[in-house]
């Protein structure tokens, strides 16, 4: 299941975070980071998925 989340995180970072933690602080932070730049959103999403 983590592989699917990581693939989602690469293409649509907020989706990967949503699948891991739902709608919470990490989700909104990831949306903000993705809007500011795609790469920070991807890095944050993979970090959120990997820390669990």
Protein backbone atom coordinates (compact mmCIF):
# COMPACT_ATOMS: atom_id res chain seq x y z
CA UNK A 1 0.00 0.00 0.00
CA UNK A 2 2.92 2.36 0.67
CA UNK A 3 4.04 1.96 -2.94
CA UNK A 4 0.67 3.26 -4.17
CA UNK A 5 0.89 6.22 -1.77
CA UNK A 6 4.40 7.06 -2.93
CA UNK A 7 3.36 6.91 -6.59
CA UNK A 8 0.42 9.20 -5.80
CA UNK A 9 2.78 11.51 -3.90
CA UNK A 10 5.02 11.84 -6.94
CA UNK A 11 2.21 12.75 -9.33
CA UNK A 12 -0.27 14.48 -6.97
CA UNK A 13 1.43 15.21 -3.61
CA UNK A 14 -1.71 16.19 -1.62
CA UNK A 15 -3.40 12.93 -2.63
CA UNK A 16 -0.52 10.88 -1.24
CA UNK A 17 -0.71 12.78 2.05
CA UNK A 18 -4.49 12.47 2.17
CA UNK A 19 -4.28 8.69 1.72
CA UNK A 20 -1.78 8.52 4.61
CA UNK A 21 -3.21 10.92 7.22
CA UNK A 22 -6.55 12.20 5.94
CA UNK A 23 -7.50 15.86 6.14
CA UNK A 24 -5.35 17.37 8.86
CA UNK A 25 -2.48 19.75 9.36
CA UNK A 26 -0.07 17.74 7.18
CA UNK A 27 -2.59 17.75 4.32
CA UNK A 28 -3.02 21.54 4.38
CA UNK A 29 0.72 22.12 4.73
CA UNK A 30 1.27 19.91 1.70
CA UNK A 31 -1.28 21.81 -0.37
CA UNK A 32 0.48 25.06 0.52
CA UNK A 33 3.90 23.63 -0.33
CA UNK A 34 2.61 22.21 -3.61
CA UNK A 35 1.18 25.59 -4.57
CA UNK A 36 4.47 27.30 -3.72
CA UNK A 37 6.46 24.76 -5.71
CA UNK A 38 5.89 21.25 -6.94
CA UNK A 39 9.16 19.80 -5.61
CA UNK A 40 8.65 20.92 -1.97
CA UNK A 41 5.20 19.33 -2.10
CA UNK A 42 6.61 16.03 -3.35
CA UNK A 43 9.39 16.01 -0.74
CA UNK A 44 6.93 16.74 2.09
CA UNK A 45 4.49 14.09 0.86
CA UNK A 46 7.16 11.40 0.69
CA UNK A 47 8.43 12.44 4.14
CA UNK A 48 4.92 12.15 5.63
CA UNK A 49 4.44 8.72 4.06
CA UNK A 50 7.89 7.47 5.10
CA UNK A 51 7.69 8.59 8.74
CA UNK A 52 4.64 6.42 9.46
